[in-house]
Each structure stands twice: as structure tokens, then as C-alpha cells.
PDB file of N, CA and C in Angstrom:
ATOM      1  N   MET A   1       7.017  11.123  91.208  1.00  0.00           N
ATOM      2  CA  MET A   1       6.094  12.557  90.019  1.00  0.00           C
ATOM      3  C   MET A   1       5.342  11.360  89.942  1.00  0.00           C
ATOM      4  N   THR A   2       4.156  12.366  89.104  1.00  0.00           N
ATOM      5  CA  THR A   2       3.670  11.955  88.056  1.00  0.00           C
ATOM      6  C   THR A   2       3.250  11.691  86.769  1.00  0.00           C
ATOM      7  N   GLU A   3       3.741  10.548  86.243  1.00  0.00           N
ATOM      8  CA  GLU A   3       2.905  10.439  84.808  1.00  0.00           C
ATOM      9  C   GLU A   3       1.781  10.447  84.022  1.00  0.00           C
ATOM     10  N   LEU A   4       1.990  11.308  83.273  1.00  0.00           N
ATOM     11  CA  LEU A   4      -0.337  11.521  82.525  1.00  0.00           C
ATOM     12  C   LEU A   4      -0.565  11.892  81.321  1.00  0.00           C
ATOM     13  N   ASP A   5      -1.199  11.620  80.683  1.00  0.00           N
ATOM     14  CA  ASP A   5      -0.989  11.636  78.931  1.00  0.00           C
ATOM     15  C   ASP A   5      -1.119  12.820  79.038  1.00  0.00           C
ATOM     16  N   ASP A   6      -1.062  13.804  77.076  1.00  0.00           N
ATOM     17  CA  ASP A   6      -1.425  14.818  76.275  1.00  0.00           C
ATOM     18  C   ASP A   6      -3.010  14.592  76.102  1.00  0.00           C
ATOM     19  N   SER A   7      -3.601  15.201  76.299  1.00  0.00           N
ATOM     20  CA  SER A   7      -3.417  16.752  76.914  1.00  0.00           C
ATOM     21  C   SER A   7      -4.096  17.256  78.030  1.00  0.00           C
ATOM     22  N   LEU A   8      -3.387  17.987  78.779  1.00  0.00           N
ATOM     23  CA  LEU A   8      -3.425  18.617  79.802  1.00  0.00           C
ATOM     24  C   LEU A   8      -4.904  19.743  79.476  1.00  0.00           C
ATOM     25  N   SER A   9      -6.395  19.669  80.054  1.00  0.00           N
ATOM     26  CA  SER A   9      -6.824  20.702  79.618  1.00  0.00           C
ATOM     27  C   SER A   9      -8.132  20.997  80.363  1.00  0.00           C
ATOM     28  N   SER A  10      -8.863  22.341  80.264  1.00  0.00           N
ATOM     29  CA  SER A  10      -9.818  22.073  81.470  1.00  0.00           C
ATOM     30  C   SER A  10     -10.964  21.262  80.874  1.00  0.00           C
ATOM     31  N   GLY A  11     -11.500  21.064  82.586  1.00  0.00           N
ATOM     32  CA  GLY A  11     -12.566  20.504  82.644  1.00  0.00           C
ATOM     33  C   GLY A  11     -13.014  18.990  82.220  1.00  0.00           C
ATOM     34  N   VAL A  12     -11.245  18.775  81.638  1.00  0.00           N
ATOM     35  CA  VAL A  12     -10.811  17.066  81.273  1.00  0.00           C
ATOM     36  C   VAL A  12     -10.178  16.364  82.488  1.00  0.00           C
ATOM     37  N   ALA A  13     -10.815  15.210  82.535  1.00  0.00           N
ATOM     38  CA  ALA A  13      -9.759  14.989  83.995  1.00  0.00           C
ATOM     39  C   ALA A  13      -8.726  14.526  83.597  1.00  0.00           C
ATOM     40  N   ASN A  14      -7.703  14.069  84.395  1.00  0.00           N
ATOM     41  CA  ASN A  14      -6.763  13.323  83.268  1.00  0.00           C
ATOM     42  C   ASN A  14      -5.428  13.088  84.408  1.00  0.00           C
ATOM     43  N   SER A  15      -5.476  12.060  85.366  1.00  0.00           N
ATOM     44  CA  SER A  15      -4.572  11.279  85.938  1.00  0.00           C
ATOM     45  C   SER A  15      -4.644  11.874  88.078  1.00  0.00           C
ATOM     46  N   VAL A  16      -4.084  12.770  88.247  1.00  0.00           N
ATOM     47  CA  VAL A  16      -4.027  13.443  89.330  1.00  0.00           C
ATOM     48  C   VAL A  16      -5.026  14.432  89.228  1.00  0.00           C
ATOM     49  N   PHE A  17      -5.226  14.887  87.981  1.00  0.00           N
ATOM     50  CA  PHE A  17      -5.953  15.891  88.344  1.00  0.00           C
ATOM     51  C   PHE A  17      -7.990  15.752  87.813  1.00  0.00           C
ATOM     52  N   PRO A  18      -8.482  15.338  88.969  1.00  0.00           N
ATOM     53  CA  PRO A  18      -9.835  15.230  88.822  1.00  0.00           C
ATOM     54  C   PRO A  18     -11.379  15.694  87.458  1.00  0.00           C
ATOM     55  N   ALA A  19     -10.684  16.895  88.093  1.00  0.00           N
ATOM     56  CA  ALA A  19     -11.523  18.272  86.581  1.00  0.00           C
ATOM     57  C   ALA A  19     -10.424  18.889  85.445  1.00  0.00           C
ATOM     58  N   GLY A  20      -8.790  18.320  85.421  1.00  0.00           N
ATOM     59  CA  GLY A  20      -8.782  19.280  84.792  1.00  0.00           C
ATOM     60  C   GLY A  20      -8.069  20.565  85.127  1.00  0.00           C
ATOM     61  N   LEU A  21      -7.597  21.166  84.390  1.00  0.00           N
ATOM     62  CA  LEU A  21      -7.349  22.682  84.249  1.00  0.00           C
ATOM     63  C   LEU A  21      -8.331  23.670  85.260  1.00  0.00           C
ATOM     64  N   THR A  22      -8.016  24.473  85.667  1.00  0.00           N
ATOM     65  CA  THR A  22      -8.740  25.194  86.673  1.00  0.00           C
ATOM     66  C   THR A  22      -9.951  26.072  84.878  1.00  0.00           C
ATOM     67  N   ALA A  23     -11.482  25.662  85.049  1.00  0.00           N
ATOM     68  CA  ALA A  23     -12.125  25.887  84.606  1.00  0.00           C
ATOM     69  C   ALA A  23     -12.258  27.102  83.718  1.00  0.00           C
ATOM     70  N   GLY A  24     -12.307  28.044  82.673  1.00  0.00           N
ATOM     71  CA  GLY A  24     -12.596  29.236  82.792  1.00  0.00           C
ATOM     72  C   GLY A  24     -10.595  29.274  81.922  1.00  0.00           C
ATOM     73  N   LEU A  25     -10.239  28.431  81.913  1.00  0.00           N
ATOM     74  CA  LEU A  25      -9.010  29.103  81.360  1.00  0.00           C
ATOM     75  C   LEU A  25      -8.983  29.545  79.385  1.00  0.00           C
ATOM     76  N   GLY A  26      -8.698  27.753  79.044  1.00  0.00           N
ATOM     77  CA  GLY A  26      -9.158  27.636  78.081  1.00  0.00           C
ATOM     78  C   GLY A  26      -7.323  27.203  77.783  1.00  0.00           C
ATOM     79  N   LEU A  27      -7.093  27.080  78.604  1.00  0.00           N
ATOM     80  CA  LEU A  27      -5.909  26.362  78.587  1.00  0.00           C
ATOM     81  C   LEU A  27      -5.536  25.091  78.428  1.00  0.00           C
ATOM     82  N   THR A  28      -5.095  24.436  76.896  1.00  0.00           N
ATOM     83  CA  THR A  28      -4.647  22.961  76.913  1.00  0.00           C
ATOM     84  C   THR A  28      -2.612  23.048  76.804  1.00  0.00           C
ATOM     85  N   VAL A  29      -2.415  22.227  77.924  1.00  0.00           N
ATOM     86  CA  VAL A  29      -1.218  22.200  77.981  1.00  0.00           C
ATOM     87  C   VAL A  29      -0.672  20.463  77.097  1.00  0.00           C
ATOM     88  N   GLN A  30       0.699  19.996  76.670  1.00  0.00           N
ATOM     89  CA  GLN A  30       1.166  19.277  76.129  1.00  0.00           C
ATOM     90  C   GLN A  30       2.653  18.992  75.535  1.00  0.00           C
ATOM     91  N   SER A  31       2.773  18.044  75.569  1.00  0.00           N
ATOM     92  CA  SER A  31       4.290  17.508  75.144  1.00  0.00           C
ATOM     93  C   SER A  31       4.481  18.226  74.164  1.00  0.00           C
ATOM     94  N   ASN A  32       6.137  18.527  73.582  1.00  0.00           N
ATOM     95  CA  ASN A  32       6.460  18.280  72.616  1.00  0.00           C
ATOM     96  C   ASN A  32       7.176  17.804  72.105  1.00  0.00           C
ATOM     97  N   THR A  33       7.303  16.797  71.435  1.00  0.00           N
ATOM     98  CA  THR A  33       8.519  15.919  70.970  1.00  0.00           C
ATOM     99  C   THR A  33      10.010  16.316  70.405  1.00  0.00           C
ATOM    100  N   LEU A  34       9.604  17.449  69.780  1.00  0.00           N
ATOM    101  CA  LEU A  34      10.975  18.052  68.719  1.00  0.00           C
ATOM    102  C   LEU A  34      11.222  19.007  69.533  1.00  0.00           C
ATOM    103  N   GLY A  35      11.304  19.291  70.899  1.00  0.00           N
ATOM    104  CA  GLY A  35      12.092  19.688  72.459  1.00  0.00           C
ATOM    105  C   GLY A  35      11.854  21.486  72.180  1.00  0.00           C
ATOM    106  N   GLY A  36      12.958  21.796  72.527  1.00  0.00           N
ATOM    107  CA  GLY A  36      13.182  23.347  72.639  1.00  0.00           C
ATOM    108  C   GLY A  36      13.038  23.797  71.657  1.00  0.00           C
ATOM    109  N   LEU A  37      13.356  23.646  70.465  1.00  0.00           N
ATOM    110  CA  LEU A  37      13.948  24.220  68.998  1.00  0.00           C
ATOM    111  C   LEU A  37      12.415  24.454  68.057  1.00  0.00           C
ATOM    112  N   ALA A  38      11.394  23.566  68.572  1.00  0.00           N
ATOM    113  CA  ALA A  38      10.275  23.280  68.020  1.00  0.00           C
ATOM    114  C   ALA A  38       9.220  24.010  67.590  1.00  0.00           C
ATOM    115  N   ASP A  39       8.825  24.267  66.894  1.00  0.00           N
ATOM    116  CA  ASP A  39       8.300  25.591  65.621  1.00  0.00           C
ATOM    117  C   ASP A  39       6.723  25.107  65.577  1.00  0.00           C
ATOM    118  N   THR A  40       6.593  24.040  66.111  1.00  0.00           N
ATOM    119  CA  THR A  40       4.855  23.717  65.641  1.00  0.00           C
ATOM    120  C   THR A  40       4.871  22.588  66.494  1.00  0.00           C
ATOM    121  N   ALA A  41       3.675  22.137  67.041  1.00  0.00           N
ATOM    122  CA  ALA A  41       2.926  21.388  67.840  1.00  0.00           C
ATOM    123  C   ALA A  41       3.412  19.296  67.711  1.00  0.00           C
ATOM    124  N   SER A  42       3.901  19.034  68.096  1.00  0.00           N
ATOM    125  CA  SER A  42       3.870  17.394  68.448  1.00  0.00           C
ATOM    126  C   SER A  42       4.031  16.775  69.444  1.00  0.00           C
ATOM    127  N   PRO A  43       3.206  16.273  70.220  1.00  0.00           N
ATOM    128  CA  PRO A  43       2.351  15.869  71.533  1.00  0.00           C
ATOM    129  C   PRO A  43       3.397  14.401  71.668  1.00  0.00           C
ATOM    130  N   LEU A  44       3.842  13.809  72.179  1.00  0.00           N
ATOM    131  CA  LEU A  44       3.883  13.068  72.800  1.00  0.00           C
ATOM    132  C   LEU A  44       2.801  11.518  72.379  1.00  0.00           C
ATOM    133  N   GLY A  45       1.588  11.947  73.884  1.00  0.00           N
ATOM    134  CA  GLY A  45       0.203  11.339  73.362  1.00  0.00           C
ATOM    135  C   GLY A  45       0.658  10.865  75.573  1.00  0.00           C
ATOM    136  N   VAL A  46       0.926   9.784  75.211  1.00  0.00           N
ATOM    137  CA  VAL A  46       0.834   8.385  76.152  1.00  0.00           C
ATOM    138  C   VAL A  46       1.504   9.182  76.751  1.00  0.00           C
ATOM    139  N   ASN A  47       1.557   9.053  78.570  1.00  0.00           N
ATOM    140  CA  ASN A  47       2.890   9.611  79.555  1.00  0.00           C
ATOM    141  C   ASN A  47       4.226  10.261  78.902  1.00  0.00           C
ATOM    142  N   GLY A  48       3.092  11.776  78.167  1.00  0.00           N
ATOM    143  CA  GLY A  48       4.052  12.736  77.732  1.00  0.00           C
ATOM    144  C   GLY A  48       4.203  13.951  78.348  1.00  0.00           C
ATOM    145  N   LEU A  49       2.973  14.091  79.860  1.00  0.00           N
ATOM    146  CA  LEU A  49       3.228  14.915  80.755  1.00  0.00           C
ATOM    147  C   LEU A  49       3.803  14.267  82.188  1.00  0.00           C
ATOM    148  N   ALA A  50       4.478  15.266  83.018  1.00  0.00           N
ATOM    149  CA  ALA A  50       4.320  14.821  84.421  1.00  0.00           C
ATOM    150  C   ALA A  50       4.169  15.652  85.153  1.00  0.00           C
ATOM    151  N   THR A  51       3.758  15.559  86.208  1.00  0.00           N
ATOM    152  CA  THR A  51       3.373  16.231  87.097  1.00  0.00           C
ATOM    153  C   THR A  51       4.089  15.984  88.887  1.00  0.00           C
ATOM    154  N   ALA A  52       4.867  17.493  90.001  1.00  0.00           N
ATOM    155  CA  ALA A  52       5.141  16.746  90.879  1.00  0.00           C
ATOM    156  C   ALA A  52       4.080  17.873  91.663  1.00  0.00           C
ATOM    157  N   SER A  53       3.226  17.285  92.851  1.00  0.00           N
ATOM    158  CA  SER A  53       2.798  17.577  93.671  1.00  0.00           C
ATOM    159  C   SER A  53       3.161  18.448  94.585  1.00  0.00           C
ATOM    160  N   VAL A  54       1.775  19.142  95.365  1.00  0.00           N
ATOM    161  CA  VAL A  54       2.734  19.759  96.245  1.00  0.00           C
ATOM    162  C   VAL A  54       3.590  19.560  97.032  1.00  0.00           C
ATOM    163  N   GLY A  55       4.899  19.589  97.447  1.00  0.00           N
ATOM    164  CA  GLY A  55       5.681  19.650  98.625  1.00  0.00           C
ATOM    165  C   GLY A  55       6.536  18.506  98.117  1.00  0.00           C
ATOM    166  N   PHE A  56       6.558  18.405  97.017  1.00  0.00           N
ATOM    167  CA  PHE A  56       7.400  17.237  96.063  1.00  0.00           C
ATOM    168  C   PHE A  56       8.788  18.582  96.036  1.00  0.00           C
ATOM    169  N   LEU A  57       9.779  17.914  96.194  1.00  0.00           N
ATOM    170  CA  LEU A  57      11.084  18.631  96.309  1.00  0.00           C
ATOM    171  C   LEU A  57      10.456  19.558  96.332  1.00  0.00           C
ATOM    172  N   GLY A  58       9.972  20.655  97.146  1.00  0.00           N
ATOM    173  CA  GLY A  58       9.586  21.270  98.077  1.00  0.00           C
ATOM    174  C   GLY A  58       8.624  22.924  97.111  1.00  0.00           C
ATOM    175  N   SER A  59       8.354  21.658  96.506  1.00  0.00           N
ATOM    176  CA  SER A  59       7.486  22.633  95.392  1.00  0.00           C
ATOM    177  C   SER A  59       6.167  23.124  96.664  1.00  0.00           C
ATOM    178  N   ALA A  60       4.940  24.745  96.178  1.00  0.00           N
ATOM    179  CA  ALA A  60       4.426  25.281  96.400  1.00  0.00           C
ATOM    180  C   ALA A  60       3.431  24.919  96.329  1.00  0.00           C
ATOM    181  N   SER A  61       3.126  24.422  94.527  1.00  0.00           N
ATOM    182  CA  SER A  61       1.939  23.549  94.356  1.00  0.00           C
ATOM    183  C   SER A  61       2.743  22.737  93.475  1.00  0.00           C
ATOM    184  N   ASP A  62       1.062  22.713  92.906  1.00  0.00           N
ATOM    185  CA  ASP A  62       1.183  21.887  91.443  1.00  0.00           C
ATOM    186  C   ASP A  62       2.255  21.692  90.940  1.00  0.00           C
ATOM    187  N   GLN A  63       2.789  21.278  89.697  1.00  0.00           N
ATOM    188  CA  GLN A  63       3.754  21.371  88.702  1.00  0.00           C
ATOM    189  C   GLN A  63       3.885  20.894  87.591  1.00  0.00           C
ATOM    190  N   VAL A  64       3.486  20.943  86.104  1.00  0.00           N
ATOM    191  CA  VAL A  64       3.254  19.725  85.487  1.00  0.00           C
ATOM    192  C   VAL A  64       4.619  20.374  83.988  1.00  0.00           C
ATOM    193  N   HIS A  65       4.689  19.174  83.341  1.00  0.00           N
ATOM    194  CA  HIS A  65       6.113  20.041  82.640  1.00  0.00           C
ATOM    195  C   HIS A  65       6.314  18.257  81.634  1.00  0.00           C
ATOM    196  N   ASN A  66       6.825  18.607  80.797  1.00  0.00           N
ATOM    197  CA  ASN A  66       7.390  17.849  79.889  1.00  0.00           C
ATOM    198  C   ASN A  66       7.641  15.792  80.572  1.00  0.00           C
ATOM    199  N   ALA A  67       8.037  15.106  80.439  1.00  0.00           N
ATOM    200  CA  ALA A  67       8.615  13.450  81.025  1.00  0.00           C
ATOM    201  C   ALA A  67       9.226  12.908  80.355  1.00  0.00           C
ATOM    202  N   VAL A  68       9.780  13.155  78.999  1.00  0.00           N
ATOM    203  CA  VAL A  68      10.779  13.065  78.846  1.00  0.00           C
ATOM    204  C   VAL A  68      11.713  14.092  78.282  1.00  0.00           C
ATOM    205  N   ASP A  69      12.685  13.617  78.970  1.00  0.00           N
ATOM    206  CA  ASP A  69      13.997  14.652  78.737  1.00  0.00           C
ATOM    207  C   ASP A  69      14.202  14.977  76.915  1.00  0.00           C
ATOM    208  N   PHE A  70      14.611  16.206  76.897  1.00  0.00           N
ATOM    209  CA  PHE A  70      14.892  16.744  76.054  1.00  0.00           C
ATOM    210  C   PHE A  70      13.607  17.339  74.541  1.00  0.00           C
ATOM    211  N   HIS A  71      11.991  16.703  75.690  1.00  0.00           N
ATOM    212  CA  HIS A  71      11.020  17.271  74.599  1.00  0.00           C
ATOM    213  C   HIS A  71      10.742  19.171  75.861  1.00  0.00           C
ATOM    214  N   SER A  72       9.371  19.607  74.937  1.00  0.00           N
ATOM    215  CA  SER A  72       9.159  20.618  76.025  1.00  0.00           C
ATOM    216  C   SER A  72       7.865  20.298  75.888  1.00  0.00           C
ATOM    217  N   PHE A  73       7.373  21.551  76.393  1.00  0.00           N
ATOM    218  CA  PHE A  73       6.308  21.240  76.264  1.00  0.00           C
ATOM    219  C   PHE A  73       5.265  22.549  75.717  1.00  0.00           C
ATOM    220  N   ASP A  74       3.716  22.467  75.277  1.00  0.00           N
ATOM    221  CA  ASP A  74       3.236  23.431  74.779  1.00  0.00           C
ATOM    222  C   ASP A  74       1.585  24.228  75.810  1.00  0.00           C
ATOM    223  N   MET A  75       1.443  25.625  75.882  1.00  0.00           N
ATOM    224  CA  MET A  75       0.746  25.437  76.109  1.00  0.00           C
ATOM    225  C   MET A  75      -0.198  26.542  74.601  1.00  0.00           C
ATOM    226  N   ILE A  76      -1.325  26.151  74.684  1.00  0.00           N
ATOM    227  CA  ILE A  76      -2.793  26.570  73.904  1.00  0.00           C
ATOM    228  C   ILE A  76      -4.261  27.458  74.601  1.00  0.00           C
ATOM    229  N   PHE A  77      -4.276  28.545  74.375  1.00  0.00           N
ATOM    230  CA  PHE A  77      -5.130  29.401  75.238  1.00  0.00           C
ATOM    231  C   PHE A  77      -6.648  29.206  73.918  1.00  0.00           C
ATOM    232  N   ALA A  78      -7.402  28.432  73.988  1.00  0.00           N
ATOM    233  CA  ALA A  78      -8.387  28.360  73.237  1.00  0.00           C
ATOM    234  C   ALA A  78      -8.716  30.220  72.646  1.00  0.00           C
ATOM    235  N   SER A  79      -9.371  30.388  73.853  1.00  0.00           N
ATOM    236  CA  SER A  79      -9.714  31.788  73.689  1.00  0.00           C
ATOM    237  C   SER A  79      -9.712  32.896  73.207  1.00  0.00           C
ATOM    238  N   SER A  80      -7.565  32.923  73.006  1.00  0.00           N
ATOM    239  CA  SER A  80      -7.403  34.582  71.921  1.00  0.00           C
ATOM    240  C   SER A  80      -7.180  33.289  71.166  1.00  0.00           C
ATOM    241  N   GLY A  81      -6.852  32.662  71.142  1.00  0.00           N
ATOM    242  CA  GLY A  81      -6.497  31.786  69.706  1.00  0.00           C
ATOM    243  C   GLY A  81      -5.146  31.871  69.804  1.00  0.00           C
ATOM    244  N   THR A  82      -4.545  32.066  70.945  1.00  0.00           N
ATOM    245  CA  THR A  82      -2.567  31.671  71.810  1.00  0.00           C
ATOM    246  C   THR A  82      -2.256  30.880  71.835  1.00  0.00           C
ATOM    247  N   VAL A  83      -0.696  30.579  70.222  1.00  0.00           N
ATOM    248  CA  VAL A  83      -0.437  29.127  70.956  1.00  0.00           C
ATOM    249  C   VAL A  83       0.819  29.725  71.223  1.00  0.00           C
ATOM    250  N   GLY A  84       1.531  28.736  72.504  1.00  0.00           N
ATOM    251  CA  GLY A  84       2.617  28.734  72.691  1.00  0.00           C
ATOM    252  C   GLY A  84       3.318  27.208  72.675  1.00  0.00           C
ATOM    253  N   VAL A  85       4.609  27.528  72.153  1.00  0.00           N
ATOM    254  CA  VAL A  85       5.321  26.392  71.885  1.00  0.00           C
ATOM    255  C   VAL A  85       6.633  25.912  71.808  1.00  0.00           C
ATOM    256  N   ALA A  86       6.705  24.633  72.674  1.00  0.00           N
ATOM    257  CA  ALA A  86       8.323  24.671  72.967  1.00  0.00           C
ATOM    258  C   ALA A  86       8.585  25.141  73.979  1.00  0.00           C
ATOM    259  N   PHE A  87       7.804  25.395  75.001  1.00  0.00           N
ATOM    260  CA  PHE A  87       9.031  25.923  76.168  1.00  0.00           C
ATOM    261  C   PHE A  87       9.292  24.954  76.896  1.00  0.00           C
ATOM    262  N   THR A  88      10.329  25.045  77.429  1.00  0.00           N
ATOM    263  CA  THR A  88      11.863  24.408  78.379  1.00  0.00           C
ATOM    264  C   THR A  88      11.415  24.969  79.392  1.00  0.00           C
ATOM    265  N   PRO A  89      10.826  24.136  80.477  1.00  0.00           N
ATOM    266  CA  PRO A  89      10.745  24.729  82.150  1.00  0.00           C
ATOM    267  C   PRO A  89      11.868  23.837  82.562  1.00  0.00           C
ATOM    268  N   LEU A  90      11.653  25.056  83.473  1.00  0.00           N
ATOM    269  CA  LEU A  90      13.229  24.875  84.264  1.00  0.00           C
ATOM    270  C   LEU A  90      13.006  24.026  85.570  1.00  0.00           C
ATOM    271  N   VAL A  91      13.923  23.282  85.506  1.00  0.00           N
ATOM    272  CA  VAL A  91      13.697  22.003  86.063  1.00  0.00           C
ATOM    273  C   VAL A  91      14.695  22.440  87.379  1.00  0.00           C
ATOM    274  N   LEU A  92      14.371  21.714  88.039  1.00  0.00           N
ATOM    275  CA  LEU A  92      14.761  22.165  89.948  1.00  0.00           C
ATOM    276  C   LEU A  92      15.856  20.543  89.727  1.00  0.00           C
ATOM    277  N   ARG A  93      16.962  20.738  90.173  1.00  0.00           N
ATOM    278  CA  ARG A  93      17.909  19.669  90.175  1.00  0.00           C
ATOM    279  C   ARG A  93      18.560  19.402  91.619  1.00  0.00           C
ATOM    280  N   ARG A  94      18.721  18.379  92.289  1.00  0.00           N
ATOM    281  CA  ARG A  94      19.751  18.273  93.094  1.00  0.00           C
ATOM    282  C   ARG A  94      20.443  17.146  93.300  1.00  0.00           C
ATOM    283  N   MET A  95      21.720  16.969  93.827  1.00  0.00           N
ATOM    284  CA  MET A  95      22.880  16.233  93.847  1.00  0.00           C
ATOM    285  C   MET A  95      22.606  15.298  95.371  1.00  0.00           C
ATOM    286  N   SER A  96      21.682  14.271  95.557  1.00  0.00           N
ATOM    287  CA  SER A  96      21.752  13.355  96.757  1.00  0.00           C
ATOM    288  C   SER A  96      22.953  12.255  96.363  1.00  0.00           C
ATOM    289  N   PRO A  97      23.359  12.422  98.036  1.00  0.00           N
ATOM    290  CA  PRO A  97      24.509  11.848  98.324  1.00  0.00           C
ATOM    291  C   PRO A  97      24.446  10.023  97.624  1.00  0.00           C
ATOM    292  N   ARG A  98      22.809   9.697  97.057  1.00  0.00           N
ATOM    293  CA  ARG A  98      23.123   8.452  96.463  1.00  0.00           C
ATOM    294  C   ARG A  98      23.154   8.456  94.761  1.00  0.00           C
ATOM    295  N   MET A  99      23.523   9.370  94.609  1.00  0.00           N
ATOM    296  CA  MET A  99      23.589   9.904  93.083  1.00  0.00           C
ATOM    297  C   MET A  99      25.366  10.123  92.818  1.00  0.00           C
ATOM    298  N   ARG A 100      26.327   9.924  93.926  1.00  0.00           N
ATOM    299  CA  ARG A 100      27.191  10.223  93.354  1.00  0.00           C
ATOM    300  C   ARG A 100      28.296   9.119  93.889  1.00  0.00           C
ATOM    301  N   GLY A 101      28.972   8.555  92.845  1.00  0.00           N
ATOM    302  CA  GLY A 101      30.663   7.493  93.533  1.00  0.00           C
ATOM    303  C   GLY A 101      30.191   6.356  92.525  1.00  0.00           C
ATOM    304  N   PRO A 102      30.398   5.339  92.829  1.00  0.00           N
ATOM    305  CA  PRO A 102      30.096   4.110  91.866  1.00  0.00           C
ATOM    306  C   PRO A 102      28.515   3.579  91.232  1.00  0.00           C
ATOM    307  N   GLY A 103      27.738   3.939  92.722  1.00  0.00           N
ATOM    308  CA  GLY A 103      26.813   3.530  92.234  1.00  0.00           C
ATOM    309  C   GLY A 103      25.290   4.733  92.046  1.00  0.00           C
ATOM    310  N   LEU A 104      26.659   5.632  90.959  1.00  0.00           N
ATOM    311  CA  LEU A 104      25.660   6.607  90.281  1.00  0.00           C
ATOM    312  C   LEU A 104      24.621   6.215  89.963  1.00  0.00           C
ATOM    313  N   ARG A 105      22.749   6.994  89.776  1.00  0.00           N
ATOM    314  CA  ARG A 105      22.154   6.649  89.614  1.00  0.00           C
ATOM    315  C   ARG A 105      20.971   8.249  88.535  1.00  0.00           C
ATOM    316  N   ASN A 106      20.887   7.793  88.420  1.00  0.00           N
ATOM    317  CA  ASN A 106      19.774   8.981  87.748  1.00  0.00           C
ATOM    318  C   ASN A 106      18.816   9.109  88.242  1.00  0.00           C
ATOM    319  N   GLU A 107      18.291  10.946  88.312  1.00  0.00           N
ATOM    320  CA  GLU A 107      17.986  11.982  89.284  1.00  0.00           C
ATOM    321  C   GLU A 107      16.474  10.378  89.238  1.00  0.00           C
ATOM    322  N   GLU A 108      16.035  10.314  88.113  1.00  0.00           N
ATOM    323  CA  GLU A 108      14.744   9.262  88.363  1.00  0.00           C
ATOM    324  C   GLU A 108      14.468   8.940  88.953  1.00  0.00           C
ATOM    325  N   GLU A 109      15.771   7.708  89.429  1.00  0.00           N
ATOM    326  CA  GLU A 109      15.282   7.132  90.505  1.00  0.00           C
ATOM    327  C   GLU A 109      15.743   7.274  91.512  1.00  0.00           C
ATOM    328  N   VAL A 110      16.057   7.916  91.700  1.00  0.00           N
ATOM    329  CA  VAL A 110      16.795   8.609  92.899  1.00  0.00           C
ATOM    330  C   VAL A 110      15.390   9.822  93.533  1.00  0.00           C
ATOM    331  N   TRP A 111      14.341  10.208  92.739  1.00  0.00           N
ATOM    332  CA  TRP A 111      13.150  10.939  93.011  1.00  0.00           C
ATOM    333  C   TRP A 111      12.246   9.737  93.612  1.00  0.00           C
ATOM    334  N   ARG A 112      12.076   9.072  92.992  1.00  0.00           N
ATOM    335  CA  ARG A 112      11.197   7.639  92.689  1.00  0.00           C
ATOM    336  C   ARG A 112      11.243   7.610  94.066  1.00  0.00           C
ATOM    337  N   ALA A 113      12.589   7.301  94.926  1.00  0.00           N
ATOM    338  CA  ALA A 113      12.713   6.117  96.098  1.00  0.00           C
ATOM    339  C   ALA A 113      12.773   7.426  97.068  1.00  0.00           C
ATOM    340  N   ASP A 114      12.926   8.506  96.776  1.00  0.00           N
ATOM    341  CA  ASP A 114      13.075  10.013  98.033  1.00  0.00           C
ATOM    342  C   ASP A 114      10.705   9.585  98.152  1.00  0.00           C
ATOM    343  N   GLU A 115      10.603   9.464  96.547  1.00  0.00           N
ATOM    344  CA  GLU A 115       9.445   9.013  96.857  1.00  0.00           C
ATOM    345  C   GLU A 115       8.169   8.225  97.785  1.00  0.00           C
ATOM    346  N   ARG A 116       8.593   7.200  97.062  1.00  0.00           N
ATOM    347  CA  ARG A 116       8.320   5.301  98.001  1.00  0.00           C
ATOM    348  C   ARG A 116       8.645   6.426  99.700  1.00  0.00           C
ATOM    349  N   ALA A 117      10.250   6.852  99.633  1.00  0.00           N
ATOM    350  CA  ALA A 117      10.266   6.745 101.554  1.00  0.00           C
ATOM    351  C   ALA A 117       9.616   8.263 101.757  1.00  0.00           C
ATOM    352  N   GLY A 118       8.702   9.229 101.424  1.00  0.00           N
ATOM    353  CA  GLY A 118       8.277  10.048 101.772  1.00  0.00           C
ATOM    354  C   GLY A 118       9.227  11.161 102.268  1.00  0.00           C
ATOM    355  N   ARG A 119       9.934  11.260 101.219  1.00  0.00           N
ATOM    356  CA  ARG A 119      11.298  12.361 101.306  1.00  0.00           C
ATOM    357  C   ARG A 119      11.069  13.848 100.820  1.00  0.00           C
TER     358      ARG A 119
END
């Protein structure tokens, strides 16, 4: 997983998105520190979003989500003035053998170790 700063929008380079989101969508994605019950935007800013690239844990496409547990993310469409606030993404969870037993580690540590090992 790669962390990126808020916000991610069309035509603006950000981390692994050298051209930002697809041009013409007019979409901006940002984290929301108020979580899934928020009724207003509240971006974290630095490292507020994360992305899992194609192939990560079997992902078929690049996936952007909030980088911090219990935060959510907002989708803002400039062309229509539509704002979706406090989305809580569906999170793919897996239980690795390395997460069980007395040496229990959190998922982030396991994901990063797997990514380094090319799994």
C-alpha cells in the first residue's frame, strides 16, 4: 500500500498517480477524519489516503481508500456540485498465519511484509 496526501483530483499529480484521476471526471477524493458518521468534509491532509495497486491482494484495479482506521473518505464531483461525504470502503481482510498466535501482528505490518516479499 502507498499513502498519499489529500486530496486526489483530476489532472493533479499525487504520488503513484502522475496525472491525478482520469481527466474529465471532475472528481476529488479526500479522507474524512470524522469517520463514517460525518456530515461534513474534514480531510486529514498529509497521508490521509492510501492506494493498493493492481495485483495487491488480488486487486483488479488501483484502489483508493482512507489511510487511517475509523476515518472515511469523501467524493466531490465538481461538475454537478454533488458531494458524497463519509463513505466507508469495503475492506478486504485476510488472516495470515503470521497474524495468529503469540506473535500477533497487525494487518498493516503483514501487508507491508507481503508487499516487500512480492506476495
